[in-house]
Protein backbone atom coordinates (compact mmCIF):
# COMPACT_ATOMS: atom_id res chain seq x y z
CA MET A 1 -3.99 -19.48 -17.70
CA ALA A 2 -0.58 -17.84 -17.52
CA ARG A 3 1.60 -17.87 -20.64
CA ILE A 4 4.69 -17.97 -18.43
CA PRO A 5 4.00 -20.08 -15.36
CA PRO A 6 5.37 -19.15 -11.95
CA ILE A 7 8.40 -21.12 -10.78
CA LYS A 8 7.67 -23.52 -7.98
CA LEU A 9 10.07 -23.12 -5.08
CA ASN A 10 11.08 -26.80 -5.18
CA ASP A 11 11.88 -26.52 -8.91
CA SER A 12 14.35 -23.65 -8.53
CA ASP A 13 18.07 -23.52 -7.84
CA GLN A 14 19.35 -22.66 -4.36
CA ARG A 15 20.00 -18.95 -5.04
CA THR A 16 16.53 -18.47 -6.55
CA LYS A 17 14.98 -20.26 -3.57
CA GLU A 18 16.83 -17.91 -1.22
CA ILE A 19 15.65 -14.82 -3.10
CA LEU A 20 12.04 -16.01 -3.27
CA LYS A 21 12.07 -16.89 0.45
CA THR A 22 13.53 -13.45 1.27
CA ILE A 23 10.81 -11.74 -0.78
CA GLU A 24 8.18 -13.90 0.90
CA ARG A 25 9.48 -12.85 4.33
CA GLN A 26 9.53 -9.18 3.35
CA TRP A 27 6.13 -9.21 1.64
CA GLY A 28 4.40 -11.62 4.02
CA SER A 29 3.54 -14.25 1.41
CA SER A 30 4.55 -15.71 -1.93
CA TRP A 31 3.41 -13.65 -4.93
CA ASN A 32 2.88 -14.92 -8.48
CA VAL A 33 4.61 -11.83 -9.91
CA THR A 34 7.96 -12.67 -8.31
CA SER A 35 7.55 -16.42 -8.83
CA THR A 36 6.95 -15.70 -12.53
CA MET A 37 9.91 -13.34 -12.66
CA ALA A 38 12.02 -16.15 -11.16
CA ASN A 39 11.99 -17.81 -14.57
CA ASN A 40 15.03 -15.54 -14.95
CA PRO A 41 16.86 -15.74 -11.60
CA ALA A 42 19.18 -12.81 -12.34
CA ILE A 43 16.20 -10.55 -13.02
CA VAL A 44 14.26 -11.48 -9.88
CA GLU A 45 17.44 -10.88 -7.87
CA GLY A 46 17.96 -7.47 -9.49
CA PHE A 47 14.30 -6.60 -9.11
CA PHE A 48 14.40 -7.32 -5.39
CA ALA A 49 17.59 -5.29 -5.02
CA LEU A 50 15.88 -2.34 -6.73
CA TRP A 51 12.75 -2.77 -4.58
CA SER A 52 14.92 -2.84 -1.44
CA ALA A 53 16.81 0.30 -2.50
CA ILE A 54 13.55 2.16 -3.13
CA GLU A 55 12.42 1.12 0.37
CA ARG A 56 15.34 3.17 1.70
CA SER A 57 15.02 6.05 -0.79
CA GLY A 58 13.04 8.48 1.34
CA LEU A 59 9.69 8.04 -0.39
CA SER A 60 6.85 7.31 2.01
CA THR A 61 4.68 4.22 1.64
CA THR A 62 1.88 6.49 0.42
CA ASP A 63 4.20 8.10 -2.16
CA ARG A 64 5.18 4.65 -3.41
CA GLU A 65 1.60 3.37 -3.61
CA VAL A 66 0.51 6.48 -5.52
CA ILE A 67 3.34 5.93 -8.01
CA CYS A 68 2.65 2.21 -8.29
CA MET A 69 -1.09 2.67 -8.85
CA GLU A 70 -0.56 5.46 -11.37
CA MET A 71 1.81 3.21 -13.32
CA ALA A 72 -0.39 0.10 -13.02
CA VAL A 73 -3.37 1.98 -14.42
CA SER A 74 -1.46 3.78 -17.17
CA ASN A 75 0.18 0.51 -18.24
CA GLY A 76 -3.07 -1.47 -18.02
CA CYS A 77 -1.70 -4.07 -15.60
CA HIS A 78 -4.42 -6.54 -14.62
CA TYR A 79 -2.28 -7.82 -11.74
CA CYS A 80 -0.78 -4.65 -10.25
CA VAL A 81 -4.02 -2.69 -9.86
CA PRO A 82 -5.49 -5.23 -7.40
CA ALA A 83 -2.03 -5.89 -5.93
CA HIS A 84 -1.63 -2.23 -4.99
CA ARG A 85 -5.20 -1.95 -3.76
CA TYR A 86 -4.25 -4.85 -1.44
CA THR A 87 -0.88 -3.47 -0.32
CA SER A 88 -2.28 0.00 0.30
CA ALA A 89 -5.10 -1.50 2.41
CA GLU A 90 -2.53 -3.52 4.38
CA GLN A 91 -0.59 -0.30 5.04
CA ALA A 92 -3.74 1.63 6.05
CA ILE A 93 -3.39 4.12 3.20
CA ASP A 94 -6.49 6.15 2.31
CA GLN A 95 -8.53 3.64 0.27
CA ALA A 96 -10.84 6.24 -1.25
CA MET A 97 -7.77 7.93 -2.72
CA ILE A 98 -6.30 4.62 -3.93
CA ASP A 99 -9.61 3.63 -5.53
CA GLN A 100 -9.76 7.02 -7.24
CA LEU A 101 -6.31 6.34 -8.70
CA ALA A 102 -7.32 2.77 -9.61
CA LYS A 103 -10.19 4.20 -11.65
CA GLY A 104 -7.70 6.37 -13.57
CA GLU A 105 -8.85 9.61 -11.97
CA SER A 106 -6.62 12.56 -11.16
CA LEU A 107 -6.16 13.69 -7.60
CA ARG A 108 -6.99 17.36 -7.19
CA GLY A 109 -5.34 20.04 -5.13
CA SER A 110 -1.94 20.46 -3.57
CA SER A 111 -1.80 17.41 -1.29
CA ARG A 112 1.42 15.42 -1.47
CA PRO A 113 -0.30 12.45 -3.20
CA ALA A 114 -1.73 14.81 -5.86
CA VAL A 115 1.70 16.36 -6.43
CA ILE A 116 3.35 12.90 -6.62
CA GLN A 117 0.73 11.76 -9.16
CA ARG A 118 1.33 14.85 -11.33
CA LEU A 119 5.10 14.34 -11.07
CA VAL A 120 4.77 10.74 -12.27
CA GLN A 121 2.46 11.75 -15.11
CA ARG A 122 4.91 14.43 -16.25
CA LEU A 123 7.99 12.21 -15.88
CA VAL A 124 6.33 9.53 -18.00
CA ALA A 125 4.96 11.99 -20.57
CA THR A 126 8.31 13.75 -20.98
CA LYS A 127 10.44 10.63 -20.50
CA GLY A 128 12.09 12.45 -17.59
CA LYS A 129 12.73 15.75 -19.37
CA LEU A 130 10.85 18.24 -17.24
CA GLU A 131 11.17 21.86 -18.31
CA ASP A 132 13.16 23.99 -15.86
CA GLN A 133 10.00 25.75 -14.71
CA GLU A 134 8.21 22.43 -14.00
CA PHE A 135 11.26 21.11 -12.16
CA GLU A 136 11.31 24.19 -9.94
CA GLU A 137 7.54 24.04 -9.39
CA PHE A 138 7.78 20.45 -8.13
CA LYS A 139 10.59 21.49 -5.79
CA GLN A 140 8.47 24.39 -4.52
CA GLN A 141 5.64 21.89 -3.91
CA GLY A 142 7.88 19.91 -1.57
CA ILE A 143 9.44 17.28 -3.85
CA SER A 144 13.20 17.16 -3.38
CA GLU A 145 15.67 16.27 -6.10
CA SER A 146 16.40 13.04 -4.22
CA GLU A 147 12.69 12.17 -4.21
CA MET A 148 12.47 12.86 -7.95
CA ILE A 149 15.27 10.35 -8.50
CA ALA A 150 13.49 7.84 -6.24
CA ALA A 151 10.25 8.41 -8.17
CA ILE A 152 12.05 7.50 -11.39
CA ALA A 153 13.35 4.31 -9.75
CA GLU A 154 9.80 3.45 -8.64
CA ILE A 155 8.53 4.08 -12.18
CA ALA A 156 11.20 1.66 -13.44
CA HIS A 157 10.26 -0.95 -10.81
CA CYS A 158 6.59 -0.65 -11.79
CA THR A 159 7.34 -0.83 -15.49
CA ILE A 160 9.17 -4.12 -14.94
CA THR A 161 6.25 -5.71 -13.08
CA ASN A 162 3.55 -4.19 -15.29
CA TYR A 163 5.15 -5.36 -18.52
CA LEU A 164 6.06 -8.76 -17.09
CA ASN A 165 2.50 -9.40 -15.93
CA ARG A 166 1.06 -8.37 -19.27
CA LEU A 167 3.54 -10.54 -21.17
CA ALA A 168 3.22 -13.56 -18.87
CA GLY A 169 -0.52 -13.30 -18.21
CA THR A 170 0.32 -13.58 -14.51
CA GLU A 171 -2.63 -15.00 -12.62
CA LEU A 172 -3.85 -13.17 -9.54
CA ASP A 173 -2.90 -14.70 -6.23
CA PRO A 174 -5.99 -15.88 -4.30
CA PHE A 175 -5.52 -13.15 -1.67
CA LEU A 176 -5.76 -10.49 -4.42
CA GLU A 177 -9.07 -11.67 -5.91
CA LYS A 178 -11.27 -9.49 -3.69
CA TYR A 179 -9.28 -6.43 -4.82
CA ARG A 180 -9.93 -7.06 -8.53
CA HIS A 181 -13.27 -5.23 -8.51
CA GLY A 182 -15.65 -3.76 -5.99
CA PHE A 183 -14.82 -0.08 -5.81
CA ASP A 184 -17.05 1.54 -3.22
């Protein structure tokens, strides 16, 4: 049982209803994470604004899912691991790769997802203070300065949801249940 229950649409003010309906249209369904966040309407509004900005940031959907899964696993988020297994499947992203990330494994080689994962790991470990040499190496591996900034925004977005879900004990939505376990 959730410690902080999700807000029911009929129990929210007009602005919160509008935001939750907009998120539902964008995401295709209502999610417990945003309904829980709606206990603070200003925060769910800001969260959605950040999510929308990251959508336009230049990161690909695969980049974003790699970042989100890396953060969900490193933060131990019971909700976001299955949520990002679901969203990556819906977006036809390589599920073997996503499941590898979900298990906490490192991607090998010089593929863009492997480079993005290493970037996220280093940004988190250094709290954003990459050494000049590392910074240049990531640029040489195809990560622009703009994409590094967007990666930091995605890390922030994920930290919000990961911490919220852990604090609230957010219950999985029924459509996420099959993504909780069952790595092939």
